[in-house]
Amino acid sequence: MQVRRAENKDIPVILNLLRQVNEVHAKARPDLFRFNTKYDRDGVAALISGKNNAVFVCEDGGAVEGYAICFFKENRCDSLMQDIKTLYIDDICVDESARGKGVGTALYNAVVSFAKQSGFYNITLNVWSCNKAAEAFYKKCGLVPQKTTMEKIL
């Protein structure tokens, strides 16, 4: 199993994985999510070549089994918050057929290593409360709630 930066050749697999992760959300919260993907081919290509983000893939035996999409965020000159660089994990997705093999953990560990080497202060992400598997995974990785978004459906 190897984690590396994504390349354009990985776009078809990333698009398939994007559909899988969106399906989890759309099934759990059809009132919020459409059965679609948040990025198309051009969007994924832009992420791969972007300067303010990083896309990683995990492959095993030459097959890509998961990805992590991360964005660089910087808080500067805020009257309330400290100046910090944050690596925001937009998505980690592991192919349905590869779950339980350590792909997610390998991706997360690579993201942590990248963040440390790149001088980020912290790593953040959002997890939908309806996605219990993702929530459990992130807790297992040692992440703790930083803040909570609450809602009341009207």
N, C-alpha and C. Protein backbone atom coordinates (compact mmCIF):
# COMPACT_ATOMS: atom_id res chain seq x y z
N MET A 1 0.85 -1.17 0.00
CA MET A 1 0.00 0.00 0.00
C MET A 1 0.90 1.24 0.00
N GLN A 2 0.57 2.18 -0.88
CA GLN A 2 1.39 3.39 -1.04
C GLN A 2 0.48 4.61 -1.18
N VAL A 3 0.83 5.69 -0.47
CA VAL A 3 0.13 6.96 -0.62
C VAL A 3 1.05 7.90 -1.39
N ARG A 4 0.49 8.57 -2.38
CA ARG A 4 1.25 9.50 -3.21
C ARG A 4 0.35 10.65 -3.61
N ARG A 5 0.95 11.71 -4.15
CA ARG A 5 0.16 12.82 -4.67
C ARG A 5 -0.60 12.33 -5.90
N ALA A 6 -1.82 12.80 -6.04
CA ALA A 6 -2.66 12.40 -7.17
C ALA A 6 -2.12 12.99 -8.47
N GLU A 7 -2.38 12.27 -9.55
CA GLU A 7 -2.00 12.71 -10.90
C GLU A 7 -3.25 12.68 -11.77
N ASN A 8 -3.18 13.32 -12.92
CA ASN A 8 -4.35 13.37 -13.81
C ASN A 8 -4.84 11.99 -14.20
N LYS A 9 -3.96 11.00 -14.25
CA LYS A 9 -4.39 9.65 -14.59
C LYS A 9 -5.33 9.06 -13.55
N ASP A 10 -5.38 9.65 -12.34
CA ASP A 10 -6.22 9.17 -11.26
C ASP A 10 -7.64 9.75 -11.29
N ILE A 11 -7.89 10.71 -12.18
CA ILE A 11 -9.17 11.42 -12.18
C ILE A 11 -10.37 10.49 -12.30
N PRO A 12 -10.40 9.51 -13.22
CA PRO A 12 -11.59 8.64 -13.31
C PRO A 12 -11.90 7.91 -12.00
N VAL A 13 -10.88 7.43 -11.32
CA VAL A 13 -11.11 6.72 -10.05
C VAL A 13 -11.58 7.70 -8.98
N ILE A 14 -10.98 8.89 -8.93
CA ILE A 14 -11.39 9.89 -7.95
C ILE A 14 -12.85 10.28 -8.18
N LEU A 15 -13.25 10.43 -9.44
CA LEU A 15 -14.65 10.75 -9.74
C LEU A 15 -15.60 9.65 -9.25
N ASN A 16 -15.21 8.40 -9.43
CA ASN A 16 -16.02 7.29 -8.93
C ASN A 16 -16.11 7.33 -7.40
N LEU A 17 -15.01 7.60 -6.75
CA LEU A 17 -15.01 7.68 -5.29
C LEU A 17 -15.83 8.87 -4.80
N LEU A 18 -15.77 9.97 -5.52
CA LEU A 18 -16.60 11.13 -5.17
C LEU A 18 -18.08 10.77 -5.20
N ARG A 19 -18.47 9.96 -6.19
CA ARG A 19 -19.86 9.51 -6.26
C ARG A 19 -20.21 8.65 -5.04
N GLN A 20 -19.28 7.80 -4.63
CA GLN A 20 -19.54 6.94 -3.48
C GLN A 20 -19.74 7.76 -2.20
N VAL A 21 -18.87 8.73 -1.98
CA VAL A 21 -18.99 9.52 -0.74
C VAL A 21 -20.25 10.37 -0.78
N ASN A 22 -20.58 10.90 -1.95
CA ASN A 22 -21.80 11.70 -2.04
C ASN A 22 -23.04 10.85 -1.82
N GLU A 23 -23.01 9.62 -2.30
CA GLU A 23 -24.16 8.73 -2.13
C GLU A 23 -24.46 8.49 -0.65
N VAL A 24 -23.42 8.36 0.16
CA VAL A 24 -23.61 8.19 1.60
C VAL A 24 -24.38 9.38 2.16
N HIS A 25 -23.96 10.59 1.77
CA HIS A 25 -24.62 11.79 2.28
C HIS A 25 -26.03 11.97 1.71
N ALA A 26 -26.19 11.70 0.42
CA ALA A 26 -27.50 11.89 -0.22
C ALA A 26 -28.53 10.90 0.33
N LYS A 27 -28.10 9.69 0.64
CA LYS A 27 -29.03 8.72 1.23
C LYS A 27 -29.40 9.10 2.66
N ALA A 28 -28.43 9.61 3.40
CA ALA A 28 -28.68 9.96 4.80
C ALA A 28 -29.44 11.28 4.95
N ARG A 29 -29.15 12.25 4.06
CA ARG A 29 -29.78 13.57 4.16
C ARG A 29 -30.24 14.04 2.78
N PRO A 30 -31.26 13.39 2.22
CA PRO A 30 -31.74 13.80 0.90
C PRO A 30 -32.35 15.20 0.91
N ASP A 31 -32.65 15.71 2.11
CA ASP A 31 -33.15 17.08 2.20
C ASP A 31 -32.04 18.11 1.94
N LEU A 32 -30.79 17.69 2.04
CA LEU A 32 -29.66 18.59 1.82
C LEU A 32 -28.83 18.25 0.59
N PHE A 33 -28.63 16.95 0.33
CA PHE A 33 -27.70 16.52 -0.72
C PHE A 33 -28.44 15.98 -1.93
N ARG A 34 -27.90 16.28 -3.10
CA ARG A 34 -28.37 15.71 -4.35
C ARG A 34 -27.47 14.52 -4.71
N PHE A 35 -27.99 13.62 -5.49
CA PHE A 35 -27.16 12.53 -6.01
C PHE A 35 -26.35 13.10 -7.17
N ASN A 36 -25.18 13.55 -6.86
CA ASN A 36 -24.30 14.24 -7.80
C ASN A 36 -22.90 14.17 -7.22
N THR A 37 -21.95 14.86 -7.81
CA THR A 37 -20.64 14.99 -7.20
C THR A 37 -20.30 16.47 -7.12
N LYS A 38 -19.46 16.83 -6.16
CA LYS A 38 -19.14 18.25 -5.99
C LYS A 38 -18.08 18.73 -6.96
N TYR A 39 -17.37 17.83 -7.58
CA TYR A 39 -16.36 18.20 -8.57
C TYR A 39 -16.58 17.36 -9.84
N ASP A 40 -16.34 17.97 -10.98
CA ASP A 40 -16.34 17.23 -12.24
C ASP A 40 -14.89 16.98 -12.64
N ARG A 41 -14.70 16.43 -13.83
CA ARG A 41 -13.35 16.11 -14.31
C ARG A 41 -12.42 17.33 -14.25
N ASP A 42 -12.91 18.47 -14.76
CA ASP A 42 -12.08 19.68 -14.76
C ASP A 42 -11.80 20.17 -13.34
N GLY A 43 -12.80 20.03 -12.47
CA GLY A 43 -12.62 20.43 -11.08
C GLY A 43 -11.56 19.60 -10.37
N VAL A 44 -11.57 18.29 -10.61
CA VAL A 44 -10.56 17.42 -10.00
C VAL A 44 -9.18 17.74 -10.58
N ALA A 45 -9.11 17.98 -11.89
CA ALA A 45 -7.82 18.34 -12.50
C ALA A 45 -7.28 19.63 -11.89
N ALA A 46 -8.16 20.60 -11.65
CA ALA A 46 -7.73 21.87 -11.04
C ALA A 46 -7.23 21.64 -9.61
N LEU A 47 -7.89 20.74 -8.88
CA LEU A 47 -7.43 20.43 -7.53
C LEU A 47 -6.05 19.78 -7.55
N ILE A 48 -5.86 18.86 -8.47
CA ILE A 48 -4.58 18.16 -8.56
C ILE A 48 -3.43 19.13 -8.86
N SER A 49 -3.69 20.12 -9.70
CA SER A 49 -2.62 21.06 -10.08
C SER A 49 -2.61 22.32 -9.23
N GLY A 50 -3.55 22.45 -8.29
CA GLY A 50 -3.67 23.67 -7.49
C GLY A 50 -2.50 23.92 -6.56
N LYS A 51 -2.31 25.20 -6.25
CA LYS A 51 -1.21 25.60 -5.37
C LYS A 51 -1.66 25.74 -3.91
N ASN A 52 -2.96 25.82 -3.66
CA ASN A 52 -3.47 26.01 -2.30
C ASN A 52 -4.23 24.78 -1.81
N ASN A 53 -3.85 23.63 -2.31
CA ASN A 53 -4.48 22.39 -1.90
C ASN A 53 -3.55 21.23 -2.24
N ALA A 54 -3.92 20.06 -1.74
CA ALA A 54 -3.16 18.85 -2.02
C ALA A 54 -4.15 17.69 -2.14
N VAL A 55 -3.93 16.84 -3.13
CA VAL A 55 -4.76 15.66 -3.33
C VAL A 55 -3.84 14.44 -3.26
N PHE A 56 -4.20 13.51 -2.41
CA PHE A 56 -3.43 12.28 -2.24
C PHE A 56 -4.29 11.09 -2.65
N VAL A 57 -3.66 10.05 -3.14
CA VAL A 57 -4.34 8.79 -3.40
C VAL A 57 -3.56 7.68 -2.72
N CYS A 58 -4.29 6.63 -2.38
CA CYS A 58 -3.68 5.43 -1.82
C CYS A 58 -3.92 4.31 -2.81
N GLU A 59 -2.83 3.67 -3.21
CA GLU A 59 -2.99 2.56 -4.14
C GLU A 59 -2.40 1.30 -3.54
N ASP A 60 -3.01 0.20 -3.92
CA ASP A 60 -2.56 -1.11 -3.48
C ASP A 60 -2.53 -2.00 -4.71
N GLY A 61 -1.40 -2.54 -5.02
CA GLY A 61 -1.27 -3.38 -6.21
C GLY A 61 -1.56 -2.63 -7.49
N GLY A 62 -1.28 -1.33 -7.51
CA GLY A 62 -1.49 -0.52 -8.70
C GLY A 62 -2.90 0.05 -8.83
N ALA A 63 -3.83 -0.34 -7.95
CA ALA A 63 -5.21 0.16 -8.01
C ALA A 63 -5.42 1.23 -6.95
N VAL A 64 -5.95 2.38 -7.36
CA VAL A 64 -6.26 3.45 -6.41
C VAL A 64 -7.50 3.03 -5.63
N GLU A 65 -7.36 3.03 -4.29
CA GLU A 65 -8.45 2.57 -3.43
C GLU A 65 -9.00 3.67 -2.53
N GLY A 66 -8.43 4.87 -2.61
CA GLY A 66 -8.93 5.97 -1.80
C GLY A 66 -8.22 7.25 -2.13
N TYR A 67 -8.79 8.35 -1.67
CA TYR A 67 -8.19 9.66 -1.89
C TYR A 67 -8.41 10.54 -0.67
N ALA A 68 -7.61 11.59 -0.57
CA ALA A 68 -7.81 12.66 0.41
C ALA A 68 -7.62 13.98 -0.34
N ILE A 69 -8.59 14.87 -0.19
CA ILE A 69 -8.51 16.20 -0.78
C ILE A 69 -8.37 17.19 0.37
N CYS A 70 -7.32 18.00 0.32
CA CYS A 70 -7.03 18.95 1.40
C CYS A 70 -6.86 20.36 0.85
N PHE A 71 -7.30 21.33 1.63
CA PHE A 71 -7.15 22.75 1.28
C PHE A 71 -6.30 23.46 2.32
N PHE A 72 -5.51 24.42 1.86
CA PHE A 72 -4.68 25.21 2.75
C PHE A 72 -5.49 26.44 3.16
N LYS A 73 -5.60 26.66 4.46
CA LYS A 73 -6.32 27.83 4.97
C LYS A 73 -5.38 28.58 5.90
N GLU A 74 -5.48 29.89 5.86
CA GLU A 74 -4.63 30.69 6.72
C GLU A 74 -5.46 31.79 7.37
N ASN A 75 -5.35 31.89 8.67
CA ASN A 75 -6.00 32.95 9.42
C ASN A 75 -4.93 33.98 9.76
N ARG A 76 -5.12 35.18 9.25
CA ARG A 76 -4.12 36.23 9.49
C ARG A 76 -4.81 37.54 9.83
N CYS A 77 -4.18 38.27 10.71
CA CYS A 77 -4.59 39.64 11.05
C CYS A 77 -6.04 39.72 11.51
N ASP A 78 -6.50 38.71 12.21
CA ASP A 78 -7.85 38.71 12.77
C ASP A 78 -7.76 39.29 14.18
N SER A 79 -8.69 40.14 14.54
CA SER A 79 -8.62 40.78 15.85
C SER A 79 -8.90 39.79 16.99
N LEU A 80 -9.51 38.66 16.69
CA LEU A 80 -9.86 37.69 17.71
C LEU A 80 -9.01 36.42 17.66
N MET A 81 -8.75 35.92 16.47
CA MET A 81 -8.09 34.62 16.31
C MET A 81 -6.60 34.79 16.05
N GLN A 82 -5.83 33.81 16.49
CA GLN A 82 -4.39 33.79 16.25
C GLN A 82 -4.09 33.58 14.76
N ASP A 83 -2.94 34.03 14.32
CA ASP A 83 -2.48 33.77 12.95
C ASP A 83 -2.00 32.31 12.88
N ILE A 84 -2.72 31.49 12.14
CA ILE A 84 -2.34 30.09 12.00
C ILE A 84 -2.61 29.60 10.59
N LYS A 85 -1.86 28.57 10.22
CA LYS A 85 -2.09 27.86 8.96
C LYS A 85 -2.76 26.53 9.30
N THR A 86 -3.88 26.28 8.64
CA THR A 86 -4.66 25.06 8.87
C THR A 86 -4.72 24.26 7.59
N LEU A 87 -4.56 22.95 7.71
CA LEU A 87 -4.80 22.06 6.59
C LEU A 87 -6.20 21.49 6.79
N TYR A 88 -7.11 21.85 5.90
CA TYR A 88 -8.50 21.41 5.98
C TYR A 88 -8.69 20.20 5.09
N ILE A 89 -9.14 19.09 5.68
CA ILE A 89 -9.45 17.89 4.91
C ILE A 89 -10.87 18.03 4.39
N ASP A 90 -11.00 18.21 3.10
CA ASP A 90 -12.31 18.33 2.48
C ASP A 90 -12.98 16.97 2.38
N ASP A 91 -12.21 15.97 2.06
CA ASP A 91 -12.73 14.61 1.91
C ASP A 91 -11.61 13.60 2.12
N ILE A 92 -11.96 12.52 2.77
CA ILE A 92 -11.19 11.27 2.66
C ILE A 92 -12.23 10.23 2.26
N CYS A 93 -11.96 9.53 1.20
CA CYS A 93 -12.89 8.49 0.75
C CYS A 93 -12.11 7.23 0.42
N VAL A 94 -12.64 6.12 0.91
CA VAL A 94 -12.07 4.80 0.61
C VAL A 94 -13.12 4.02 -0.17
N ASP A 95 -12.69 3.39 -1.24
CA ASP A 95 -13.59 2.58 -2.06
C ASP A 95 -14.29 1.55 -1.18
N GLU A 96 -15.59 1.36 -1.47
CA GLU A 96 -16.40 0.40 -0.70
C GLU A 96 -15.72 -0.96 -0.59
N SER A 97 -15.08 -1.39 -1.66
CA SER A 97 -14.47 -2.72 -1.69
C SER A 97 -13.17 -2.80 -0.91
N ALA A 98 -12.63 -1.65 -0.50
CA ALA A 98 -11.33 -1.64 0.19
C ALA A 98 -11.44 -1.22 1.66
N ARG A 99 -12.64 -1.02 2.13
CA ARG A 99 -12.80 -0.57 3.52
C ARG A 99 -12.38 -1.66 4.49
N GLY A 100 -11.76 -1.21 5.57
CA GLY A 100 -11.27 -2.15 6.59
C GLY A 100 -9.87 -2.66 6.34
N LYS A 101 -9.23 -2.20 5.27
CA LYS A 101 -7.87 -2.65 4.93
C LYS A 101 -6.78 -1.69 5.39
N GLY A 102 -7.17 -0.55 5.99
CA GLY A 102 -6.17 0.43 6.44
C GLY A 102 -5.91 1.54 5.45
N VAL A 103 -6.69 1.61 4.37
CA VAL A 103 -6.50 2.64 3.35
C VAL A 103 -6.75 4.03 3.95
N GLY A 104 -7.85 4.18 4.68
CA GLY A 104 -8.17 5.47 5.29
C GLY A 104 -7.10 5.91 6.27
N THR A 105 -6.62 4.99 7.07
CA THR A 105 -5.58 5.30 8.03
C THR A 105 -4.29 5.71 7.33
N ALA A 106 -3.94 5.01 6.25
CA ALA A 106 -2.74 5.36 5.48
C ALA A 106 -2.87 6.76 4.89
N LEU A 107 -4.03 7.08 4.35
CA LEU A 107 -4.26 8.41 3.80
C LEU A 107 -4.17 9.47 4.90
N TYR A 108 -4.85 9.23 6.02
CA TYR A 108 -4.83 10.20 7.11
C TYR A 108 -3.41 10.41 7.62
N ASN A 109 -2.65 9.34 7.81
CA ASN A 109 -1.27 9.47 8.30
C ASN A 109 -0.41 10.25 7.31
N ALA A 110 -0.63 10.05 6.01
CA ALA A 110 0.12 10.80 5.00
C ALA A 110 -0.24 12.29 5.06
N VAL A 111 -1.52 12.59 5.28
CA VAL A 111 -1.96 13.98 5.40
C VAL A 111 -1.30 14.63 6.63
N VAL A 112 -1.28 13.92 7.75
CA VAL A 112 -0.65 14.44 8.97
C VAL A 112 0.83 14.71 8.73
N SER A 113 1.52 13.76 8.11
CA SER A 113 2.94 13.92 7.81
C SER A 113 3.17 15.14 6.91
N PHE A 114 2.36 15.27 5.86
CA PHE A 114 2.46 16.41 4.95
C PHE A 114 2.24 17.72 5.71
N ALA A 115 1.23 17.75 6.58
CA ALA A 115 0.92 18.96 7.33
C ALA A 115 2.07 19.36 8.25
N LYS A 116 2.64 18.38 8.93
CA LYS A 116 3.78 18.67 9.82
C LYS A 116 4.97 19.19 9.03
N GLN A 117 5.30 18.53 7.94
CA GLN A 117 6.45 18.93 7.12
C GLN A 117 6.24 20.31 6.49
N SER A 118 4.98 20.68 6.25
CA SER A 118 4.66 21.94 5.59
C SER A 118 4.41 23.08 6.56
N GLY A 119 4.53 22.84 7.85
CA GLY A 119 4.41 23.89 8.85
C GLY A 119 2.99 24.31 9.20
N PHE A 120 2.02 23.43 9.00
CA PHE A 120 0.65 23.75 9.41
C PHE A 120 0.53 23.63 10.92
N TYR A 121 -0.33 24.44 11.51
CA TYR A 121 -0.58 24.40 12.95
C TYR A 121 -1.50 23.25 13.32
N ASN A 122 -2.53 23.04 12.48
CA ASN A 122 -3.51 22.00 12.80
C ASN A 122 -4.15 21.46 11.53
N ILE A 123 -4.93 20.41 11.73
CA ILE A 123 -5.73 19.80 10.67
C ILE A 123 -7.18 19.89 11.14
N THR A 124 -8.06 20.32 10.25
CA THR A 124 -9.47 20.36 10.58
C THR A 124 -10.27 19.66 9.48
N LEU A 125 -11.49 19.33 9.80
CA LEU A 125 -12.41 18.75 8.83
C LEU A 125 -13.82 18.88 9.38
N ASN A 126 -14.77 18.66 8.54
CA ASN A 126 -16.18 18.58 8.94
C ASN A 126 -16.63 17.15 8.70
N VAL A 127 -17.46 16.66 9.59
CA VAL A 127 -18.06 15.35 9.40
C VAL A 127 -19.54 15.48 9.71
N TRP A 128 -20.36 15.00 8.80
CA TRP A 128 -21.80 15.05 8.99
C TRP A 128 -22.20 14.05 10.06
N SER A 129 -23.05 14.46 10.98
CA SER A 129 -23.43 13.59 12.08
C SER A 129 -24.17 12.34 11.61
N CYS A 130 -24.72 12.37 10.40
CA CYS A 130 -25.39 11.19 9.86
C CYS A 130 -24.40 10.16 9.32
N ASN A 131 -23.13 10.53 9.21
CA ASN A 131 -22.10 9.62 8.71
C ASN A 131 -21.33 9.04 9.89
N LYS A 132 -21.95 8.13 10.58
CA LYS A 132 -21.38 7.57 11.82
C LYS A 132 -20.06 6.84 11.57
N ALA A 133 -19.92 6.19 10.43
CA ALA A 133 -18.67 5.47 10.13
C ALA A 133 -17.51 6.46 10.03
N ALA A 134 -17.72 7.58 9.34
CA ALA A 134 -16.67 8.58 9.22
C ALA A 134 -16.35 9.20 10.57
N GLU A 135 -17.40 9.49 11.32
CA GLU A 135 -17.20 10.08 12.65
C GLU A 135 -16.37 9.16 13.54
N ALA A 136 -16.68 7.88 13.53
CA ALA A 136 -15.93 6.90 14.33
C ALA A 136 -14.48 6.80 13.85
N PHE A 137 -14.29 6.82 12.53
CA PHE A 137 -12.94 6.75 11.98
C PHE A 137 -12.10 7.93 12.45
N TYR A 138 -12.64 9.13 12.34
CA TYR A 138 -11.88 10.32 12.72
C TYR A 138 -11.58 10.35 14.22
N LYS A 139 -12.51 9.90 15.02
CA LYS A 139 -12.25 9.81 16.46
C LYS A 139 -11.14 8.80 16.74
N LYS A 140 -11.15 7.69 16.02
CA LYS A 140 -10.11 6.67 16.16
C LYS A 140 -8.73 7.24 15.79
N CYS A 141 -8.72 8.17 14.85
CA CYS A 141 -7.47 8.81 14.43
C CYS A 141 -7.00 9.87 15.43
N GLY A 142 -7.83 10.17 16.42
CA GLY A 142 -7.44 11.12 17.45
C GLY A 142 -7.99 12.52 17.28
N LEU A 143 -8.86 12.72 16.30
CA LEU A 143 -9.47 14.04 16.15
C LEU A 143 -10.55 14.23 17.21
N VAL A 144 -10.69 15.47 17.66
CA VAL A 144 -11.70 15.82 18.65
C VAL A 144 -12.50 17.00 18.12
N PRO A 145 -13.73 17.16 18.58
CA PRO A 145 -14.53 18.30 18.10
C PRO A 145 -13.87 19.64 18.44
N GLN A 146 -13.85 20.52 17.46
CA GLN A 146 -13.33 21.87 17.66
C GLN A 146 -14.49 22.83 17.88
N LYS A 147 -15.55 22.63 17.13
CA LYS A 147 -16.78 23.40 17.28
C LYS A 147 -17.91 22.55 16.74
N THR A 148 -19.12 22.94 17.03
CA THR A 148 -20.27 22.16 16.61
C THR A 148 -21.22 23.07 15.84
N THR A 149 -21.69 22.62 14.68
CA THR A 149 -22.74 23.30 13.95
C THR A 149 -24.05 22.60 14.28
N MET A 150 -25.03 23.38 14.66
CA MET A 150 -26.32 22.79 15.03
C MET A 150 -27.39 23.33 14.07
N GLU A 151 -28.49 22.58 13.95
CA GLU A 151 -29.56 23.01 13.07
C GLU A 151 -30.91 22.70 13.67
N LYS A 152 -31.91 23.41 13.18
CA LYS A 152 -33.31 23.11 13.43
C LYS A 152 -34.00 23.20 12.09
N ILE A 153 -34.55 22.09 11.63
CA ILE A 153 -35.25 22.08 10.35
C ILE A 153 -36.63 22.68 10.56
N LEU A 154 -36.97 23.62 9.72
CA LEU A 154 -38.25 24.33 9.86
C LEU A 154 -39.32 23.78 8.96
